[in-house]
N, C-alpha and C. Protein backbone atom coordinates (compact mmCIF):
# COMPACT_ATOMS: atom_id res chain seq x y z
N UNK A 1 50.13 126.59 121.97
CA UNK A 1 50.82 125.76 121.01
C UNK A 1 51.42 124.57 121.76
N UNK A 2 51.34 123.40 121.20
CA UNK A 2 51.85 122.22 121.87
C UNK A 2 53.37 122.15 121.75
N UNK A 3 53.97 121.33 122.62
CA UNK A 3 55.42 121.15 122.60
C UNK A 3 55.87 120.67 121.22
N UNK A 4 55.08 119.79 120.59
CA UNK A 4 55.42 119.27 119.27
C UNK A 4 55.47 120.39 118.23
N UNK A 5 54.53 121.32 118.31
CA UNK A 5 54.49 122.43 117.35
C UNK A 5 55.73 123.33 117.49
N UNK A 6 56.24 123.50 118.72
CA UNK A 6 57.44 124.31 118.93
C UNK A 6 58.68 123.64 118.37
N UNK A 7 58.60 122.35 118.09
CA UNK A 7 59.74 121.59 117.62
C UNK A 7 59.68 121.32 116.11
N UNK A 8 58.93 122.15 115.39
CA UNK A 8 58.78 121.94 113.94
C UNK A 8 59.61 122.97 113.17
N UNK A 9 60.04 122.61 111.95
CA UNK A 9 60.74 123.59 111.11
C UNK A 9 59.87 124.81 110.81
N UNK A 10 58.56 124.61 110.73
CA UNK A 10 57.66 125.72 110.45
C UNK A 10 57.72 126.77 111.56
N UNK A 11 57.74 126.33 112.81
CA UNK A 11 57.82 127.26 113.94
C UNK A 11 59.15 128.02 113.91
N UNK A 12 60.25 127.30 113.68
CA UNK A 12 61.57 127.93 113.63
C UNK A 12 61.61 128.97 112.50
N UNK A 13 61.09 128.60 111.34
CA UNK A 13 61.08 129.52 110.19
C UNK A 13 60.19 130.74 110.46
N UNK A 14 59.06 130.54 111.12
CA UNK A 14 58.18 131.68 111.44
C UNK A 14 58.86 132.65 112.39
N UNK A 15 59.58 132.14 113.38
CA UNK A 15 60.29 133.01 114.31
C UNK A 15 61.40 133.78 113.57
N UNK A 16 62.12 133.08 112.70
CA UNK A 16 63.18 133.73 111.94
C UNK A 16 62.58 134.77 110.99
N UNK A 17 61.47 134.44 110.36
CA UNK A 17 60.82 135.38 109.44
C UNK A 17 60.43 136.66 110.16
N UNK A 18 59.83 136.53 111.33
CA UNK A 18 59.44 137.72 112.11
C UNK A 18 60.65 138.59 112.44
N UNK A 19 61.74 137.95 112.83
CA UNK A 19 62.95 138.71 113.17
C UNK A 19 63.57 139.34 111.93
N UNK A 20 63.53 138.64 110.80
CA UNK A 20 64.06 139.20 109.55
C UNK A 20 63.26 140.42 109.10
N UNK A 21 61.93 140.33 109.16
CA UNK A 21 61.08 141.46 108.76
C UNK A 21 61.42 142.69 109.60
N UNK A 22 61.55 142.49 110.90
CA UNK A 22 61.88 143.60 111.80
C UNK A 22 63.27 144.16 111.49
N UNK A 23 64.27 143.29 111.37
CA UNK A 23 65.64 143.72 111.11
C UNK A 23 65.77 144.42 109.76
N UNK A 24 65.20 143.84 108.73
CA UNK A 24 65.30 144.43 107.40
C UNK A 24 64.60 145.78 107.33
N UNK A 25 63.50 145.92 108.04
CA UNK A 25 62.82 147.21 108.11
C UNK A 25 63.69 148.26 108.76
N UNK A 26 64.39 147.87 109.83
CA UNK A 26 65.28 148.80 110.52
C UNK A 26 66.48 149.18 109.64
N UNK A 27 67.05 148.20 108.95
CA UNK A 27 68.26 148.43 108.15
C UNK A 27 67.98 149.23 106.88
N UNK A 28 66.83 148.98 106.27
CA UNK A 28 66.54 149.62 104.98
C UNK A 28 65.61 150.83 105.11
N UNK A 29 64.96 150.95 106.24
CA UNK A 29 64.03 152.05 106.42
C UNK A 29 62.72 151.85 105.66
N UNK A 30 62.47 150.65 105.21
CA UNK A 30 61.25 150.35 104.47
C UNK A 30 60.74 148.96 104.83
N UNK A 31 59.79 148.51 104.07
CA UNK A 31 59.22 147.19 104.31
C UNK A 31 59.79 146.22 103.27
N UNK A 32 60.44 145.18 103.73
CA UNK A 32 61.00 144.15 102.86
C UNK A 32 60.15 142.90 103.04
N UNK A 33 59.68 142.35 101.95
CA UNK A 33 58.87 141.14 101.98
C UNK A 33 59.77 139.92 102.20
N UNK A 34 59.39 139.10 103.16
CA UNK A 34 60.08 137.83 103.41
C UNK A 34 59.03 136.74 103.20
N UNK A 35 59.18 135.96 102.14
CA UNK A 35 58.20 134.91 101.86
C UNK A 35 58.59 133.64 102.60
N UNK A 36 57.57 132.85 102.91
CA UNK A 36 57.75 131.61 103.67
C UNK A 36 56.93 130.52 103.01
N UNK A 37 57.59 129.41 102.71
CA UNK A 37 56.87 128.25 102.21
C UNK A 37 57.28 127.04 103.06
N UNK A 38 56.37 126.09 103.14
CA UNK A 38 56.58 124.95 104.03
C UNK A 38 56.32 123.65 103.30
N UNK A 39 57.15 122.66 103.58
CA UNK A 39 56.98 121.32 103.05
C UNK A 39 57.08 120.35 104.24
N UNK A 40 55.96 120.15 104.97
CA UNK A 40 55.99 119.30 106.17
C UNK A 40 56.43 117.86 105.88
N UNK A 41 56.13 117.37 104.70
CA UNK A 41 56.49 116.00 104.34
C UNK A 41 58.01 115.80 104.42
N UNK A 42 58.77 116.80 103.99
CA UNK A 42 60.24 116.72 104.00
C UNK A 42 60.87 117.43 105.20
N UNK A 43 60.04 117.88 106.16
CA UNK A 43 60.55 118.63 107.31
C UNK A 43 61.42 119.80 106.87
N UNK A 44 60.89 120.56 105.89
CA UNK A 44 61.65 121.65 105.29
C UNK A 44 60.80 122.91 105.18
N UNK A 45 61.36 124.03 105.57
CA UNK A 45 60.73 125.33 105.39
C UNK A 45 61.72 126.24 104.70
N UNK A 46 61.21 127.13 103.84
CA UNK A 46 62.07 128.00 103.05
C UNK A 46 61.62 129.45 103.22
N UNK A 47 62.59 130.32 103.47
CA UNK A 47 62.36 131.76 103.53
C UNK A 47 63.14 132.40 102.40
N UNK A 48 62.57 133.43 101.79
CA UNK A 48 63.26 134.15 100.73
C UNK A 48 63.03 135.64 100.89
N UNK A 49 64.08 136.43 100.61
CA UNK A 49 63.95 137.88 100.60
C UNK A 49 64.98 138.47 99.66
N UNK A 50 64.79 139.74 99.32
CA UNK A 50 65.67 140.43 98.39
C UNK A 50 66.05 141.80 98.96
N UNK A 51 67.35 142.10 98.89
CA UNK A 51 67.87 143.40 99.30
C UNK A 51 68.97 143.78 98.32
N UNK A 52 68.94 145.01 97.83
CA UNK A 52 69.99 145.54 96.94
C UNK A 52 70.30 144.61 95.77
N UNK A 53 69.26 144.15 95.12
CA UNK A 53 69.39 143.30 93.93
C UNK A 53 70.06 141.95 94.20
N UNK A 54 70.03 141.51 95.45
CA UNK A 54 70.52 140.19 95.83
C UNK A 54 69.38 139.42 96.49
N UNK A 55 69.27 138.15 96.12
CA UNK A 55 68.26 137.28 96.71
C UNK A 55 68.89 136.39 97.77
N UNK A 56 68.17 136.21 98.85
CA UNK A 56 68.57 135.26 99.89
C UNK A 56 67.52 134.16 99.93
N UNK A 57 67.98 132.93 99.99
CA UNK A 57 67.12 131.75 100.03
C UNK A 57 67.59 130.93 101.23
N UNK A 58 66.74 130.80 102.24
CA UNK A 58 67.13 130.14 103.48
C UNK A 58 66.28 128.88 103.67
N UNK A 59 66.95 127.78 103.93
CA UNK A 59 66.26 126.52 104.21
C UNK A 59 66.46 126.18 105.68
N UNK A 60 65.35 125.84 106.33
CA UNK A 60 65.39 125.31 107.70
C UNK A 60 64.89 123.87 107.58
N UNK A 61 65.74 122.93 107.93
CA UNK A 61 65.39 121.51 107.78
C UNK A 61 65.61 120.80 109.12
N UNK A 62 64.74 119.85 109.39
CA UNK A 62 64.88 119.05 110.59
C UNK A 62 65.14 117.60 110.19
N UNK A 63 66.23 117.05 110.73
CA UNK A 63 66.56 115.64 110.54
C UNK A 63 66.68 115.02 111.91
N UNK A 64 65.74 114.13 112.22
CA UNK A 64 65.70 113.57 113.57
C UNK A 64 65.31 114.66 114.54
N UNK A 65 66.19 114.95 115.48
CA UNK A 65 65.92 116.01 116.46
C UNK A 65 66.77 117.25 116.21
N UNK A 66 67.53 117.25 115.12
CA UNK A 66 68.47 118.33 114.85
C UNK A 66 67.96 119.22 113.72
N UNK A 67 68.10 120.53 113.90
CA UNK A 67 67.72 121.51 112.88
C UNK A 67 68.97 121.98 112.14
N UNK A 68 68.82 122.16 110.82
CA UNK A 68 69.91 122.63 109.98
C UNK A 68 69.47 123.89 109.25
N UNK A 69 70.44 124.76 109.00
CA UNK A 69 70.24 126.05 108.35
C UNK A 69 71.13 126.07 107.11
N UNK A 70 70.58 126.51 106.01
CA UNK A 70 71.37 126.65 104.77
C UNK A 70 70.91 127.92 104.08
N UNK A 71 71.85 128.80 103.78
CA UNK A 71 71.52 130.03 103.07
C UNK A 71 72.26 130.05 101.74
N UNK A 72 71.48 130.32 100.69
CA UNK A 72 72.03 130.48 99.35
C UNK A 72 71.68 131.89 98.90
N UNK A 73 72.61 132.53 98.21
CA UNK A 73 72.39 133.89 97.71
C UNK A 73 72.65 133.94 96.22
N UNK A 74 72.00 134.87 95.55
CA UNK A 74 72.20 135.07 94.12
C UNK A 74 71.96 136.52 93.78
N UNK A 75 72.64 136.99 92.76
CA UNK A 75 72.39 138.33 92.23
C UNK A 75 71.07 138.25 91.47
N UNK A 76 70.24 139.27 91.61
CA UNK A 76 68.94 139.30 90.94
C UNK A 76 69.12 139.08 89.44
N UNK A 77 68.32 138.20 88.88
CA UNK A 77 68.40 137.89 87.46
C UNK A 77 69.31 136.72 87.14
N UNK A 78 70.02 136.23 88.14
CA UNK A 78 70.91 135.09 87.95
C UNK A 78 70.28 133.86 88.59
N UNK A 79 70.43 132.74 87.93
CA UNK A 79 69.92 131.49 88.49
C UNK A 79 70.97 130.76 89.30
N UNK A 80 72.16 131.31 89.37
CA UNK A 80 73.26 130.66 90.08
C UNK A 80 73.23 131.01 91.57
N UNK A 81 72.67 130.10 92.36
CA UNK A 81 72.67 130.29 93.80
C UNK A 81 74.00 129.82 94.36
N UNK A 82 74.55 130.62 95.24
CA UNK A 82 75.82 130.28 95.87
C UNK A 82 75.56 130.03 97.36
N UNK A 83 75.95 128.84 97.84
CA UNK A 83 75.79 128.53 99.26
C UNK A 83 76.76 129.41 100.03
N UNK A 84 76.23 130.23 100.92
CA UNK A 84 77.08 131.16 101.65
C UNK A 84 77.13 130.87 103.14
N UNK A 85 76.22 130.06 103.62
CA UNK A 85 76.21 129.73 105.04
C UNK A 85 75.39 128.46 105.25
N UNK A 86 75.91 127.55 106.04
CA UNK A 86 75.14 126.37 106.37
C UNK A 86 75.70 125.74 107.64
N UNK A 87 74.86 124.98 108.30
CA UNK A 87 75.31 124.31 109.51
C UNK A 87 74.14 123.92 110.40
N UNK A 88 74.50 123.33 111.50
CA UNK A 88 73.53 122.88 112.49
C UNK A 88 73.13 124.07 113.36
N UNK A 89 71.84 124.16 113.67
CA UNK A 89 71.36 125.23 114.55
C UNK A 89 71.39 124.75 116.00
N UNK A 90 71.97 125.57 116.86
CA UNK A 90 71.99 125.30 118.29
C UNK A 90 70.95 126.21 118.92
N UNK A 91 69.70 125.81 118.81
CA UNK A 91 68.57 126.67 119.17
C UNK A 91 68.46 126.81 120.69
N UNK A 92 68.38 128.06 121.12
CA UNK A 92 68.18 128.39 122.54
C UNK A 92 66.68 128.48 122.79
N UNK A 93 66.19 127.68 123.72
CA UNK A 93 64.76 127.60 123.99
C UNK A 93 64.45 127.88 125.46
N UNK A 94 63.21 128.32 125.68
CA UNK A 94 62.72 128.49 127.04
C UNK A 94 62.30 127.12 127.58
N UNK A 95 61.93 127.07 128.84
CA UNK A 95 61.47 125.80 129.43
C UNK A 95 60.22 125.29 128.73
N UNK A 96 59.43 126.19 128.18
CA UNK A 96 58.20 125.79 127.48
C UNK A 96 58.50 125.31 126.05
N UNK A 97 59.74 125.48 125.60
CA UNK A 97 60.12 125.02 124.27
C UNK A 97 60.15 126.11 123.21
N UNK A 98 59.77 127.31 123.60
CA UNK A 98 59.77 128.42 122.63
C UNK A 98 61.20 128.88 122.35
N UNK A 99 61.40 129.40 121.15
CA UNK A 99 62.70 129.95 120.78
C UNK A 99 62.82 131.35 121.37
N UNK A 100 63.97 131.65 121.95
CA UNK A 100 64.14 132.97 122.55
C UNK A 100 64.19 134.03 121.45
N UNK A 101 63.66 135.20 121.75
CA UNK A 101 63.68 136.32 120.80
C UNK A 101 65.12 136.69 120.45
N UNK A 102 66.01 136.67 121.45
CA UNK A 102 67.40 137.01 121.20
C UNK A 102 68.02 136.07 120.18
N UNK A 103 67.74 134.77 120.31
CA UNK A 103 68.29 133.79 119.37
C UNK A 103 67.77 134.04 117.96
N UNK A 104 66.48 134.27 117.83
CA UNK A 104 65.89 134.53 116.51
C UNK A 104 66.49 135.79 115.89
N UNK A 105 66.70 136.82 116.72
CA UNK A 105 67.30 138.06 116.23
C UNK A 105 68.75 137.86 115.80
N UNK A 106 69.50 137.04 116.54
CA UNK A 106 70.89 136.74 116.18
C UNK A 106 70.95 135.98 114.86
N UNK A 107 70.04 135.04 114.67
CA UNK A 107 69.99 134.28 113.43
C UNK A 107 69.62 135.18 112.25
N UNK A 108 68.70 136.10 112.45
CA UNK A 108 68.33 137.05 111.41
C UNK A 108 69.51 137.96 111.07
N UNK A 109 70.22 138.41 112.09
CA UNK A 109 71.39 139.27 111.88
C UNK A 109 72.46 138.51 111.09
N UNK A 110 72.67 137.24 111.42
CA UNK A 110 73.65 136.42 110.70
C UNK A 110 73.26 136.30 109.23
N UNK A 111 71.98 136.06 108.97
CA UNK A 111 71.50 135.94 107.59
C UNK A 111 71.72 137.23 106.82
N UNK A 112 71.38 138.35 107.43
CA UNK A 112 71.54 139.65 106.78
C UNK A 112 73.02 139.94 106.52
N UNK A 113 73.87 139.66 107.49
CA UNK A 113 75.30 139.91 107.33
C UNK A 113 75.88 139.03 106.22
N UNK A 114 75.41 137.79 106.13
CA UNK A 114 75.86 136.89 105.07
C UNK A 114 75.48 137.44 103.70
N UNK A 115 74.25 137.95 103.57
CA UNK A 115 73.82 138.55 102.31
C UNK A 115 74.62 139.81 102.00
N UNK A 116 74.88 140.62 103.00
CA UNK A 116 75.66 141.85 102.83
C UNK A 116 77.08 141.52 102.36
N UNK A 117 77.70 140.50 102.97
CA UNK A 117 79.05 140.09 102.57
C UNK A 117 79.05 139.57 101.14
N UNK A 118 78.02 138.82 100.78
CA UNK A 118 77.88 138.30 99.42
C UNK A 118 77.77 139.46 98.44
N UNK A 119 76.95 140.45 98.76
CA UNK A 119 76.77 141.62 97.90
C UNK A 119 78.10 142.34 97.69
N UNK A 120 78.83 142.57 98.78
CA UNK A 120 80.11 143.27 98.69
C UNK A 120 81.12 142.48 97.86
N UNK A 121 81.09 141.16 97.99
CA UNK A 121 81.98 140.31 97.21
C UNK A 121 81.63 140.41 95.72
N UNK A 122 80.34 140.43 95.40
CA UNK A 122 79.92 140.55 94.01
C UNK A 122 80.32 141.90 93.43
N UNK A 123 80.21 142.95 94.24
CA UNK A 123 80.58 144.29 93.77
C UNK A 123 82.08 144.39 93.53
N UNK A 124 82.88 143.82 94.41
CA UNK A 124 84.34 143.91 94.24
C UNK A 124 84.83 143.06 93.07
N UNK A 125 84.12 141.99 92.74
CA UNK A 125 84.55 141.16 91.62
C UNK A 125 84.21 141.81 90.27
N UNK A 126 83.32 142.80 90.28
CA UNK A 126 82.97 143.52 89.04
C UNK A 126 84.02 144.57 88.68
N UNK A 127 84.79 144.97 89.68
CA UNK A 127 85.77 146.06 89.46
C UNK A 127 87.05 145.56 88.87
């Protein structure tokens, strides 16, 4: 893979997707589908997954040389997405430009924890 390919939102999203699939499988004991769509024209990639009747929608966007992460969550059946996490990604890379496995796993863990916190908040607001 060329250096340019390692610097694309698609590559970042693919690494995150792989880590999410692994993490979600470990946490749930099953296979959780993580969908990935790409819009190269807008330098945007989107990942989506569902756990415990909550949807997570993650955007990886590149503006200039900086990558941004935005996670929105919603209760299944609701169209109201709530932004629960966003910010600039400080990607840890090898000399070849690849994203470290540890970094991808930490980002996946952050996404899962954000969804878990959202779920718990939704449950407590029902009581």
